Amino acid sequence: MKGFIKKIIVFLSLAILVVIGIVVGSHYVVKSQSRFKIDKDITKLVVGHSHSSCSVNDSIIKNTINLSASGESYFYNYQKLKLVGNANPHINTLFIEFANNHVDSVMDDWTWGFEKMSFYLPFYSPFIESEDLNLLIENNSTDAFASYSIATRKHLYRILSRDYYLIDEIGSYTGSKFSKIDELIAENNFNPTISKNQVVSETNLSYLRKMIDYCRGNNIKVFLIRSPQHPLYADLSNETVYQNVLKTQFSDVELLDFDGMNFPNSHYLDLHHLNYKGANQFSTLFNNLLENGILSSTNKQALIDEKIKAFNGKTN
């Protein structure tokens, strides 16, 4: 009986070692082989969640790549920024989408909730520092380990397919041809995504600060940007909280605010996002401002507001 128990212990020990070896080995291979290089003509980078992913058409805005991703909190934006920034020293400007829901505690679930963690960790887990990994484990250890299991399986698929170029997978402009606005309004569907008590996410904002600090440590100019949102967008209810966060925590960073742009309903995907029609018009206006040197101007928002006023006049 003792001999049998010994064999079981040895077998289990070996099995555990094999699993650890697979996890560590696959992470090492993906980390050492993954590539994040982009064209040297690209000097401007856009990161954020679905708002900027739907609104910033980087085929219109010159020398720019949009690597925003739907549902991605600043925690994952930060991992992305380091990988892309370190691999591409020619990037000299970063635009970070700063929408109303970015300040809200809903972003905590976007960071360590299973849905987001299991999706984004397969891209970033080989590169995450221990401090960041500990944050996930401390807040949701069960799903963190489950997500690492998913990440390991995806790493093995990546190794077998020898697909190590991740730029095409970690974000992009995603233009939509649809518009659901009239349907949503008819159904009185104005459900907000932010918390009812509008609690601020200190974690998400701390990673926004990390991105800003990374840029300043690497000679990258950094700006916050707010894409146009539909006037009936329910998350605008926290505008007072949003402006207070901006004033008290990020007064050292300029916000390029385009939320005042007005479009017909046909130019929105839904109450949160532009579709390709709105994105093309917004991106054209933004590109014109960039080409006319707005980033070196001392009155950026005044110039933006002037352009928006003229645009809204033509639209109306």
C-alpha atoms as a PDB file:
ATOM      1  CA  MET A   1       0.000   0.000   0.000  1.00  0.00           C
ATOM      2  CA  LYS A   2       2.837   2.397   0.888  1.00  0.00           C
ATOM      3  CA  GLY A   3       4.508   1.631  -2.422  1.00  0.00           C
ATOM      4  CA  PHE A   4       1.312   2.412  -4.307  1.00  0.00           C
ATOM      5  CA  ILE A   5       0.902   5.748  -2.484  1.00  0.00           C
ATOM      6  CA  LYS A   6       4.532   6.598  -3.296  1.00  0.00           C
ATOM      7  CA  LYS A   7       3.917   5.922  -6.978  1.00  0.00           C
ATOM      8  CA  ILE A   8       0.818   8.151  -6.918  1.00  0.00           C
ATOM      9  CA  ILE A   9       2.792  10.968  -5.257  1.00  0.00           C
ATOM     10  CA  VAL A  10       5.628  10.614  -7.767  1.00  0.00           C
ATOM     11  CA  PHE A  11       3.163  10.571 -10.677  1.00  0.00           C
ATOM     12  CA  LEU A  12       1.325  13.649  -9.423  1.00  0.00           C
ATOM     13  CA  SER A  13       4.612  15.466  -8.793  1.00  0.00           C
ATOM     14  CA  LEU A  14       5.803  14.708 -12.302  1.00  0.00           C
ATOM     15  CA  ALA A  15       2.450  15.789 -13.742  1.00  0.00           C
ATOM     16  CA  ILE A  16       2.644  19.093 -11.871  1.00  0.00           C
ATOM     17  CA  LEU A  17       6.196  19.653 -13.096  1.00  0.00           C
ATOM     18  CA  VAL A  18       5.132  18.946 -16.672  1.00  0.00           C
ATOM     19  CA  VAL A  19       2.260  21.427 -16.411  1.00  0.00           C
ATOM     20  CA  ILE A  20       4.561  24.075 -14.930  1.00  0.00           C
ATOM     21  CA  GLY A  21       7.066  23.370 -17.677  1.00  0.00           C
ATOM     22  CA  ILE A  22       4.422  23.811 -20.372  1.00  0.00           C
ATOM     23  CA  VAL A  23       3.165  27.072 -18.849  1.00  0.00           C
ATOM     24  CA  VAL A  24       6.622  28.568 -18.308  1.00  0.00           C
ATOM     25  CA  GLY A  25       7.998  27.240 -21.579  1.00  0.00           C
ATOM     26  CA  SER A  26       5.130  28.484 -23.747  1.00  0.00           C
ATOM     27  CA  HIS A  27       5.217  31.899 -22.081  1.00  0.00           C
ATOM     28  CA  TYR A  28       8.981  32.105 -22.655  1.00  0.00           C
ATOM     29  CA  VAL A  29       8.732  31.167 -26.333  1.00  0.00           C
ATOM     30  CA  VAL A  30       5.936  33.655 -27.023  1.00  0.00           C
ATOM     31  CA  LYS A  31       7.736  36.392 -25.102  1.00  0.00           C
ATOM     32  CA  SER A  32      11.019  35.850 -26.940  1.00  0.00           C
ATOM     33  CA  GLN A  33       9.483  35.480 -30.408  1.00  0.00           C
ATOM     34  CA  SER A  34       6.647  38.025 -30.422  1.00  0.00           C
ATOM     35  CA  ARG A  35       7.079  41.081 -32.634  1.00  0.00           C
ATOM     36  CA  PHE A  36       5.493  44.516 -32.272  1.00  0.00           C
ATOM     37  CA  LYS A  37       7.340  46.505 -34.935  1.00  0.00           C
ATOM     38  CA  ILE A  38       5.367  48.942 -37.070  1.00  0.00           C
ATOM     39  CA  ASP A  39       6.254  51.064 -40.070  1.00  0.00           C
ATOM     40  CA  LYS A  40       8.784  53.803 -39.301  1.00  0.00           C
ATOM     41  CA  ASP A  41       6.562  56.398 -40.954  1.00  0.00           C
ATOM     42  CA  ILE A  42       4.052  55.917 -38.127  1.00  0.00           C
ATOM     43  CA  THR A  43       4.840  58.372 -35.341  1.00  0.00           C
ATOM     44  CA  LYS A  44       1.467  58.690 -33.603  1.00  0.00           C
ATOM     45  CA  LEU A  45      -0.276  55.971 -31.582  1.00  0.00           C
ATOM     46  CA  VAL A  46      -3.896  55.850 -30.376  1.00  0.00           C
ATOM     47  CA  VAL A  47      -4.987  53.583 -27.507  1.00  0.00           C
ATOM     48  CA  GLY A  48      -8.271  53.222 -25.687  1.00  0.00           C
ATOM     49  CA  HIS A  49     -11.413  51.128 -25.696  1.00  0.00           C
ATOM     50  CA  SER A  50     -14.251  50.844 -28.216  1.00  0.00           C
ATOM     51  CA  HIS A  51     -14.928  54.593 -28.387  1.00  0.00           C
ATOM     52  CA  SER A  52     -11.617  55.362 -30.076  1.00  0.00           C
ATOM     53  CA  SER A  53     -11.587  52.012 -31.877  1.00  0.00           C
ATOM     54  CA  CYS A  54     -14.811  53.053 -33.635  1.00  0.00           C
ATOM     55  CA  SER A  55     -14.036  56.754 -34.083  1.00  0.00           C
ATOM     56  CA  VAL A  56     -10.369  57.115 -35.112  1.00  0.00           C
ATOM     57  CA  ASN A  57      -9.891  56.023 -38.721  1.00  0.00           C
ATOM     58  CA  ASP A  58      -6.119  55.769 -38.971  1.00  0.00           C
ATOM     59  CA  SER A  59      -6.267  55.496 -42.755  1.00  0.00           C
ATOM     60  CA  ILE A  60      -7.346  59.155 -42.728  1.00  0.00           C
ATOM     61  CA  ILE A  61      -5.120  60.505 -39.941  1.00  0.00           C
ATOM     62  CA  LYS A  62      -1.608  60.617 -41.364  1.00  0.00           C
ATOM     63  CA  ASN A  63       1.327  58.812 -39.750  1.00  0.00           C
ATOM     64  CA  THR A  64      -0.987  57.302 -37.143  1.00  0.00           C
ATOM     65  CA  ILE A  65      -1.889  53.800 -35.995  1.00  0.00           C
ATOM     66  CA  ASN A  66      -4.993  53.099 -33.933  1.00  0.00           C
ATOM     67  CA  LEU A  67      -4.471  50.155 -31.575  1.00  0.00           C
ATOM     68  CA  SER A  68      -7.585  50.722 -29.469  1.00  0.00           C
ATOM     69  CA  ALA A  69      -9.515  47.591 -28.503  1.00  0.00           C
ATOM     70  CA  SER A  70     -13.122  47.139 -27.439  1.00  0.00           C
ATOM     71  CA  GLY A  71     -13.546  46.566 -23.715  1.00  0.00           C
ATOM     72  CA  GLU A  72      -9.900  47.203 -22.890  1.00  0.00           C
ATOM     73  CA  SER A  73      -9.192  49.049 -19.634  1.00  0.00           C
ATOM     74  CA  TYR A  74      -6.122  51.183 -18.995  1.00  0.00           C
ATOM     75  CA  PHE A  75      -4.466  48.187 -17.304  1.00  0.00           C
ATOM     76  CA  TYR A  76      -4.214  46.429 -20.675  1.00  0.00           C
ATOM     77  CA  ASN A  77      -3.635  49.686 -22.579  1.00  0.00           C
ATOM     78  CA  TYR A  78      -0.544  50.124 -20.408  1.00  0.00           C
ATOM     79  CA  GLN A  79       0.823  46.675 -21.262  1.00  0.00           C
ATOM     80  CA  LYS A  80       0.255  47.414 -24.950  1.00  0.00           C
ATOM     81  CA  LEU A  81       1.895  50.827 -24.769  1.00  0.00           C
ATOM     82  CA  LYS A  82       5.091  49.426 -23.262  1.00  0.00           C
ATOM     83  CA  LEU A  83       5.354  46.659 -25.851  1.00  0.00           C
ATOM     84  CA  VAL A  84       4.682  48.881 -28.847  1.00  0.00           C
ATOM     85  CA  GLY A  85       6.594  51.857 -27.475  1.00  0.00           C
ATOM     86  CA  ASN A  86       9.716  49.858 -26.642  1.00  0.00           C
ATOM     87  CA  ALA A  87       9.716  48.205 -30.072  1.00  0.00           C
ATOM     88  CA  ASN A  88       9.152  51.463 -31.978  1.00  0.00           C
ATOM     89  CA  PRO A  89      11.269  54.376 -30.710  1.00  0.00           C
ATOM     90  CA  HIS A  90      10.066  56.470 -33.681  1.00  0.00           C
ATOM     91  CA  ILE A  91       6.651  56.860 -31.983  1.00  0.00           C
ATOM     92  CA  ASN A  92       6.683  60.376 -30.570  1.00  0.00           C
ATOM     93  CA  THR A  93       3.010  61.064 -29.810  1.00  0.00           C
ATOM     94  CA  LEU A  94       0.354  59.128 -27.907  1.00  0.00           C
ATOM     95  CA  PHE A  95      -3.384  59.854 -27.856  1.00  0.00           C
ATOM     96  CA  ILE A  96      -5.242  58.133 -24.999  1.00  0.00           C
ATOM     97  CA  GLU A  97      -9.018  57.934 -25.255  1.00  0.00           C
ATOM     98  CA  PHE A  98     -10.517  59.435 -22.086  1.00  0.00           C
ATOM     99  CA  ALA A  99     -14.261  58.805 -22.118  1.00  0.00           C
ATOM    100  CA  ASN A 100     -16.768  59.285 -19.322  1.00  0.00           C
ATOM    101  CA  ASN A 101     -16.876  55.630 -18.356  1.00  0.00           C
ATOM    102  CA  HIS A 102     -13.074  55.479 -18.087  1.00  0.00           C
ATOM    103  CA  VAL A 103     -13.241  57.129 -14.661  1.00  0.00           C
ATOM    104  CA  ASP A 104     -15.925  54.808 -13.301  1.00  0.00           C
ATOM    105  CA  SER A 105     -15.572  51.709 -11.104  1.00  0.00           C
ATOM    106  CA  VAL A 106     -17.044  49.600 -13.912  1.00  0.00           C
ATOM    107  CA  MET A 107     -13.456  49.582 -15.191  1.00  0.00           C
ATOM    108  CA  ASP A 108     -12.435  47.387 -12.256  1.00  0.00           C
ATOM    109  CA  ASP A 109     -14.451  44.538 -13.726  1.00  0.00           C
ATOM    110  CA  TRP A 110     -12.919  45.345 -17.110  1.00  0.00           C
ATOM    111  CA  THR A 111      -9.535  44.753 -15.472  1.00  0.00           C
ATOM    112  CA  TRP A 112      -9.932  41.614 -13.350  1.00  0.00           C
ATOM    113  CA  GLY A 113     -13.356  40.287 -14.342  1.00  0.00           C
ATOM    114  CA  PHE A 114     -13.198  36.904 -16.079  1.00  0.00           C
ATOM    115  CA  GLU A 115     -14.602  38.062 -19.422  1.00  0.00           C
ATOM    116  CA  LYS A 116     -11.924  40.708 -20.025  1.00  0.00           C
ATOM    117  CA  MET A 117      -9.085  38.920 -18.242  1.00  0.00           C
ATOM    118  CA  SER A 118      -9.564  35.663 -20.140  1.00  0.00           C
ATOM    119  CA  PHE A 119      -9.608  37.555 -23.437  1.00  0.00           C
ATOM    120  CA  TYR A 120      -6.686  39.950 -22.931  1.00  0.00           C
ATOM    121  CA  LEU A 121      -4.238  37.925 -20.832  1.00  0.00           C
ATOM    122  CA  PRO A 122      -3.396  35.601 -23.756  1.00  0.00           C
ATOM    123  CA  PHE A 123      -1.897  38.650 -25.489  1.00  0.00           C
ATOM    124  CA  TYR A 124      -0.135  40.249 -22.543  1.00  0.00           C
ATOM    125  CA  SER A 125       0.576  37.566 -19.905  1.00  0.00           C
ATOM    126  CA  PRO A 126       4.131  36.753 -21.078  1.00  0.00           C
ATOM    127  CA  PHE A 127       5.076  40.409 -20.638  1.00  0.00           C
ATOM    128  CA  ILE A 128       3.182  41.410 -17.475  1.00  0.00           C
ATOM    129  CA  GLU A 129       5.321  42.435 -14.526  1.00  0.00           C
ATOM    130  CA  SER A 130       4.833  40.794 -11.138  1.00  0.00           C
ATOM    131  CA  GLU A 131       3.228  43.919  -9.647  1.00  0.00           C
ATOM    132  CA  ASP A 132       0.533  43.870 -12.332  1.00  0.00           C
ATOM    133  CA  LEU A 133      -0.002  40.127 -12.050  1.00  0.00           C
ATOM    134  CA  ASN A 134      -0.376  40.447  -8.279  1.00  0.00           C
ATOM    135  CA  LEU A 135      -3.117  43.039  -8.794  1.00  0.00           C
ATOM    136  CA  LEU A 136      -5.163  40.528 -10.799  1.00  0.00           C
ATOM    137  CA  ILE A 137      -4.554  37.695  -8.331  1.00  0.00           C
ATOM    138  CA  GLU A 138      -5.352  39.812  -5.286  1.00  0.00           C
ATOM    139  CA  ASN A 139      -8.681  40.908  -6.738  1.00  0.00           C
ATOM    140  CA  ASN A 140      -9.773  37.696  -8.474  1.00  0.00           C
ATOM    141  CA  SER A 141      -7.352  34.814  -8.009  1.00  0.00           C
ATOM    142  CA  THR A 142      -9.729  32.098  -9.246  1.00  0.00           C
ATOM    143  CA  ASP A 143     -10.367  33.724 -12.604  1.00  0.00           C
ATOM    144  CA  ALA A 144      -6.766  34.915 -12.881  1.00  0.00           C
ATOM    145  CA  PHE A 145      -5.466  31.339 -12.780  1.00  0.00           C
ATOM    146  CA  ALA A 146      -8.244  30.183 -15.109  1.00  0.00           C
ATOM    147  CA  SER A 147      -7.300  32.961 -17.526  1.00  0.00           C
ATOM    148  CA  TYR A 148      -3.651  31.906 -17.400  1.00  0.00           C
ATOM    149  CA  SER A 149      -4.770  28.402 -18.329  1.00  0.00           C
ATOM    150  CA  ILE A 150      -6.585  29.831 -21.349  1.00  0.00           C
ATOM    151  CA  ALA A 151      -3.540  31.945 -22.168  1.00  0.00           C
ATOM    152  CA  THR A 152      -1.283  28.883 -22.102  1.00  0.00           C
ATOM    153  CA  ARG A 153      -3.503  27.012 -24.552  1.00  0.00           C
ATOM    154  CA  LYS A 154      -3.519  29.983 -26.904  1.00  0.00           C
ATOM    155  CA  HIS A 155       0.250  30.293 -26.606  1.00  0.00           C
ATOM    156  CA  LEU A 156       0.618  26.677 -27.668  1.00  0.00           C
ATOM    157  CA  TYR A 157      -1.589  27.325 -30.715  1.00  0.00           C
ATOM    158  CA  ARG A 158       0.533  30.380 -31.516  1.00  0.00           C
ATOM    159  CA  ILE A 159       3.728  28.359 -31.254  1.00  0.00           C
ATOM    160  CA  LEU A 160       2.354  25.624 -33.515  1.00  0.00           C
ATOM    161  CA  SER A 161       1.225  28.173 -36.106  1.00  0.00           C
ATOM    162  CA  ARG A 162       4.392  30.280 -35.677  1.00  0.00           C
ATOM    163  CA  ASP A 163       2.254  33.405 -35.574  1.00  0.00           C
ATOM    164  CA  TYR A 164       4.219  35.870 -33.484  1.00  0.00           C
ATOM    165  CA  TYR A 165       3.260  39.198 -35.058  1.00  0.00           C
ATOM    166  CA  LEU A 166       0.761  40.604 -32.570  1.00  0.00           C
ATOM    167  CA  ILE A 167       0.127  44.129 -33.894  1.00  0.00           C
ATOM    168  CA  ASP A 168      -2.760  42.923 -36.048  1.00  0.00           C
ATOM    169  CA  GLU A 169      -4.382  41.274 -33.009  1.00  0.00           C
ATOM    170  CA  ILE A 170      -4.099  43.770 -30.163  1.00  0.00           C
ATOM    171  CA  GLY A 171      -6.197  46.616 -31.565  1.00  0.00           C
ATOM    172  CA  SER A 172      -7.351  48.481 -34.652  1.00  0.00           C
ATOM    173  CA  TYR A 173      -9.863  50.886 -36.129  1.00  0.00           C
ATOM    174  CA  THR A 174     -13.181  49.029 -36.453  1.00  0.00           C
ATOM    175  CA  GLY A 175     -15.594  50.945 -38.620  1.00  0.00           C
ATOM    176  CA  SER A 176     -19.200  49.820 -38.654  1.00  0.00           C
ATOM    177  CA  LYS A 177     -21.731  50.296 -41.451  1.00  0.00           C
ATOM    178  CA  PHE A 178     -24.690  49.971 -39.098  1.00  0.00           C
ATOM    179  CA  SER A 179     -26.709  52.451 -37.062  1.00  0.00           C
ATOM    180  CA  LYS A 180     -28.912  51.299 -34.182  1.00  0.00           C
ATOM    181  CA  ILE A 181     -29.761  54.744 -32.798  1.00  0.00           C
ATOM    182  CA  ASP A 182     -33.353  55.048 -33.988  1.00  0.00           C
ATOM    183  CA  GLU A 183     -34.119  51.536 -32.744  1.00  0.00           C
ATOM    184  CA  LEU A 184     -32.588  52.233 -29.324  1.00  0.00           C
ATOM    185  CA  ILE A 185     -34.490  55.487 -28.954  1.00  0.00           C
ATOM    186  CA  ALA A 186     -37.765  53.856 -30.018  1.00  0.00           C
ATOM    187  CA  GLU A 187     -37.215  51.141 -27.385  1.00  0.00           C
ATOM    188  CA  ASN A 188     -36.266  53.758 -24.767  1.00  0.00           C
ATOM    189  CA  ASN A 189     -33.003  51.846 -24.334  1.00  0.00           C
ATOM    190  CA  PHE A 190     -30.684  54.312 -22.622  1.00  0.00           C
ATOM    191  CA  ASN A 191     -29.096  51.956 -20.090  1.00  0.00           C
ATOM    192  CA  PRO A 192     -25.831  53.350 -18.668  1.00  0.00           C
ATOM    193  CA  THR A 193     -22.702  51.235 -18.330  1.00  0.00           C
ATOM    194  CA  ILE A 194     -21.338  53.151 -15.342  1.00  0.00           C
ATOM    195  CA  SER A 195     -22.096  52.356 -11.695  1.00  0.00           C
ATOM    196  CA  LYS A 196     -25.277  53.771 -10.158  1.00  0.00           C
ATOM    197  CA  ASN A 197     -23.386  55.642  -7.445  1.00  0.00           C
ATOM    198  CA  GLN A 198     -20.712  56.797  -9.930  1.00  0.00           C
ATOM    199  CA  VAL A 199     -17.769  55.580  -7.839  1.00  0.00           C
ATOM    200  CA  VAL A 200     -14.367  56.342  -9.344  1.00  0.00           C
ATOM    201  CA  SER A 201     -11.969  53.534 -10.309  1.00  0.00           C
ATOM    202  CA  GLU A 202      -8.676  54.439  -8.656  1.00  0.00           C
ATOM    203  CA  THR A 203      -7.064  51.380 -10.241  1.00  0.00           C
ATOM    204  CA  ASN A 204      -7.956  52.355 -13.795  1.00  0.00           C
ATOM    205  CA  LEU A 205      -6.839  55.927 -13.207  1.00  0.00           C
ATOM    206  CA  SER A 206      -3.553  54.741 -11.689  1.00  0.00           C
ATOM    207  CA  TYR A 207      -2.775  52.918 -14.935  1.00  0.00           C
ATOM    208  CA  LEU A 208      -3.629  56.024 -16.922  1.00  0.00           C
ATOM    209  CA  ARG A 209      -1.010  57.778 -14.817  1.00  0.00           C
ATOM    210  CA  LYS A 210       1.450  54.950 -15.526  1.00  0.00           C
ATOM    211  CA  MET A 211       0.958  55.493 -19.258  1.00  0.00           C
ATOM    212  CA  ILE A 212       1.537  59.209 -18.890  1.00  0.00           C
ATOM    213  CA  ASP A 213       4.687  58.608 -16.840  1.00  0.00           C
ATOM    214  CA  TYR A 214       5.939  56.062 -19.390  1.00  0.00           C
ATOM    215  CA  CYS A 215       5.533  58.600 -22.190  1.00  0.00           C
ATOM    216  CA  ARG A 216       7.319  61.339 -20.321  1.00  0.00           C
ATOM    217  CA  GLY A 217      10.152  58.967 -19.499  1.00  0.00           C
ATOM    218  CA  ASN A 218      10.516  58.079 -23.173  1.00  0.00           C
ATOM    219  CA  ASN A 219      10.161  61.506 -24.806  1.00  0.00           C
ATOM    220  CA  ILE A 220       6.669  60.786 -26.119  1.00  0.00           C
ATOM    221  CA  LYS A 221       4.170  63.630 -26.170  1.00  0.00           C
ATOM    222  CA  VAL A 222       0.928  62.477 -24.573  1.00  0.00           C
ATOM    223  CA  PHE A 223      -2.611  63.823 -24.912  1.00  0.00           C
ATOM    224  CA  LEU A 224      -5.998  62.706 -23.703  1.00  0.00           C
ATOM    225  CA  ILE A 225      -8.734  62.674 -26.320  1.00  0.00           C
ATOM    226  CA  ARG A 226     -12.513  62.406 -26.040  1.00  0.00           C
ATOM    227  CA  SER A 227     -14.244  61.188 -29.191  1.00  0.00           C
ATOM    228  CA  PRO A 228     -17.742  62.411 -30.101  1.00  0.00           C
ATOM    229  CA  GLN A 229     -20.562  60.691 -28.232  1.00  0.00           C
ATOM    230  CA  HIS A 230     -24.293  60.844 -28.854  1.00  0.00           C
ATOM    231  CA  PRO A 231     -26.002  63.577 -26.752  1.00  0.00           C
ATOM    232  CA  LEU A 232     -28.345  60.923 -25.309  1.00  0.00           C
ATOM    233  CA  TYR A 233     -25.459  58.706 -24.169  1.00  0.00           C
ATOM    234  CA  ALA A 234     -26.438  57.737 -20.608  1.00  0.00           C
ATOM    235  CA  ASP A 235     -22.876  57.685 -19.242  1.00  0.00           C
ATOM    236  CA  LEU A 236     -22.672  61.446 -19.734  1.00  0.00           C
ATOM    237  CA  SER A 237     -24.580  61.634 -16.450  1.00  0.00           C
ATOM    238  CA  ASN A 238     -21.239  61.474 -14.624  1.00  0.00           C
ATOM    239  CA  GLU A 239     -19.876  64.552 -16.408  1.00  0.00           C
ATOM    240  CA  THR A 240     -19.356  66.352 -13.086  1.00  0.00           C
ATOM    241  CA  VAL A 241     -17.331  63.415 -11.739  1.00  0.00           C
ATOM    242  CA  TYR A 242     -15.448  63.181 -15.032  1.00  0.00           C
ATOM    243  CA  GLN A 243     -14.484  66.858 -15.014  1.00  0.00           C
ATOM    244  CA  ASN A 244     -13.468  66.681 -11.345  1.00  0.00           C
ATOM    245  CA  VAL A 245     -11.121  63.747 -12.045  1.00  0.00           C
ATOM    246  CA  LEU A 246      -9.665  65.640 -14.980  1.00  0.00           C
ATOM    247  CA  LYS A 247      -9.115  68.753 -12.865  1.00  0.00           C
ATOM    248  CA  THR A 248      -7.772  67.118  -9.713  1.00  0.00           C
ATOM    249  CA  GLN A 249      -5.735  64.205 -11.116  1.00  0.00           C
ATOM    250  CA  PHE A 250      -4.807  65.028 -14.717  1.00  0.00           C
ATOM    251  CA  SER A 251      -4.536  68.787 -14.946  1.00  0.00           C
ATOM    252  CA  ASP A 252      -0.967  68.262 -16.200  1.00  0.00           C
ATOM    253  CA  VAL A 253      -2.222  66.545 -19.375  1.00  0.00           C
ATOM    254  CA  GLU A 254      -4.095  68.318 -22.153  1.00  0.00           C
ATOM    255  CA  LEU A 255      -7.491  66.947 -23.174  1.00  0.00           C
ATOM    256  CA  LEU A 256      -8.468  67.296 -26.820  1.00  0.00           C
ATOM    257  CA  ASP A 257     -12.232  67.239 -26.407  1.00  0.00           C
ATOM    258  CA  PHE A 258     -14.363  66.539 -29.495  1.00  0.00           C
ATOM    259  CA  ASP A 259     -17.517  65.588 -27.614  1.00  0.00           C
ATOM    260  CA  GLY A 260     -19.261  68.704 -28.896  1.00  0.00           C
ATOM    261  CA  MET A 261     -19.373  67.434 -32.483  1.00  0.00           C
ATOM    262  CA  ASN A 262     -22.946  66.830 -33.655  1.00  0.00           C
ATOM    263  CA  PHE A 263     -23.894  64.200 -36.199  1.00  0.00           C
ATOM    264  CA  PRO A 264     -27.187  62.908 -37.582  1.00  0.00           C
ATOM    265  CA  ASN A 265     -28.286  59.614 -36.041  1.00  0.00           C
ATOM    266  CA  SER A 266     -27.217  57.814 -39.209  1.00  0.00           C
ATOM    267  CA  HIS A 267     -23.569  58.595 -38.324  1.00  0.00           C
ATOM    268  CA  TYR A 268     -23.650  56.761 -34.961  1.00  0.00           C
ATOM    269  CA  LEU A 269     -23.448  53.023 -34.430  1.00  0.00           C
ATOM    270  CA  ASP A 270     -25.227  53.374 -31.092  1.00  0.00           C
ATOM    271  CA  LEU A 271     -25.390  55.873 -28.250  1.00  0.00           C
ATOM    272  CA  HIS A 272     -21.758  55.169 -27.343  1.00  0.00           C
ATOM    273  CA  HIS A 273     -19.992  54.964 -30.696  1.00  0.00           C
ATOM    274  CA  LEU A 274     -19.666  56.497 -34.131  1.00  0.00           C
ATOM    275  CA  ASN A 275     -20.097  54.324 -37.202  1.00  0.00           C
ATOM    276  CA  TYR A 276     -17.869  54.672 -40.266  1.00  0.00           C
ATOM    277  CA  LYS A 277     -19.717  57.771 -41.534  1.00  0.00           C
ATOM    278  CA  GLY A 278     -19.175  59.665 -38.291  1.00  0.00           C
ATOM    279  CA  ALA A 279     -15.645  58.278 -37.903  1.00  0.00           C
ATOM    280  CA  ASN A 280     -14.627  59.494 -41.355  1.00  0.00           C
ATOM    281  CA  GLN A 281     -15.864  63.013 -40.672  1.00  0.00           C
ATOM    282  CA  PHE A 282     -14.350  63.150 -37.195  1.00  0.00           C
ATOM    283  CA  SER A 283     -11.028  61.734 -38.392  1.00  0.00           C
ATOM    284  CA  THR A 284     -10.900  64.213 -41.287  1.00  0.00           C
ATOM    285  CA  LEU A 285     -11.444  67.134 -38.921  1.00  0.00           C
ATOM    286  CA  PHE A 286      -8.847  65.765 -36.480  1.00  0.00           C
ATOM    287  CA  ASN A 287      -6.319  65.195 -39.268  1.00  0.00           C
ATOM    288  CA  ASN A 288      -6.786  68.749 -40.540  1.00  0.00           C
ATOM    289  CA  LEU A 289      -6.102  70.107 -37.067  1.00  0.00           C
ATOM    290  CA  LEU A 290      -2.966  67.984 -36.752  1.00  0.00           C
ATOM    291  CA  GLU A 291      -1.678  69.056 -40.161  1.00  0.00           C
ATOM    292  CA  ASN A 292      -2.233  72.678 -39.193  1.00  0.00           C
ATOM    293  CA  GLY A 293      -0.019  72.264 -36.123  1.00  0.00           C
ATOM    294  CA  ILE A 294      -2.536  72.101 -33.307  1.00  0.00           C
ATOM    295  CA  LEU A 295      -0.215  70.071 -31.071  1.00  0.00           C
ATOM    296  CA  SER A 296       2.248  72.961 -30.907  1.00  0.00           C
ATOM    297  CA  SER A 297      -0.491  75.536 -30.279  1.00  0.00           C
ATOM    298  CA  THR A 298      -1.028  77.084 -26.861  1.00  0.00           C
ATOM    299  CA  ASN A 299      -4.819  77.265 -27.292  1.00  0.00           C
ATOM    300  CA  LYS A 300      -5.623  73.779 -28.560  1.00  0.00           C
ATOM    301  CA  GLN A 301      -9.168  73.464 -27.215  1.00  0.00           C
ATOM    302  CA  ALA A 302     -10.138  76.896 -28.531  1.00  0.00           C
ATOM    303  CA  LEU A 303      -9.043  75.822 -32.026  1.00  0.00           C
ATOM    304  CA  ILE A 304     -10.940  72.546 -31.659  1.00  0.00           C
ATOM    305  CA  ASP A 305     -14.082  74.342 -30.509  1.00  0.00           C
ATOM    306  CA  GLU A 306     -13.829  76.736 -33.444  1.00  0.00           C
ATOM    307  CA  LYS A 307     -13.593  73.826 -35.904  1.00  0.00           C
ATOM    308  CA  ILE A 308     -16.469  72.014 -34.178  1.00  0.00           C
ATOM    309  CA  LYS A 309     -18.653  75.129 -34.331  1.00  0.00           C
ATOM    310  CA  ALA A 310     -18.043  75.459 -38.064  1.00  0.00           C
ATOM    311  CA  PHE A 311     -18.643  71.731 -38.582  1.00  0.00           C
ATOM    312  CA  ASN A 312     -21.880  71.728 -36.590  1.00  0.00           C
ATOM    313  CA  GLY A 313     -23.084  74.765 -38.549  1.00  0.00           C
ATOM    314  CA  LYS A 314     -22.597  72.929 -41.832  1.00  0.00           C
ATOM    315  CA  THR A 315     -24.155  69.734 -40.430  1.00  0.00           C
ATOM    316  CA  ASN A 316     -27.235  71.562 -39.183  1.00  0.00           C
END
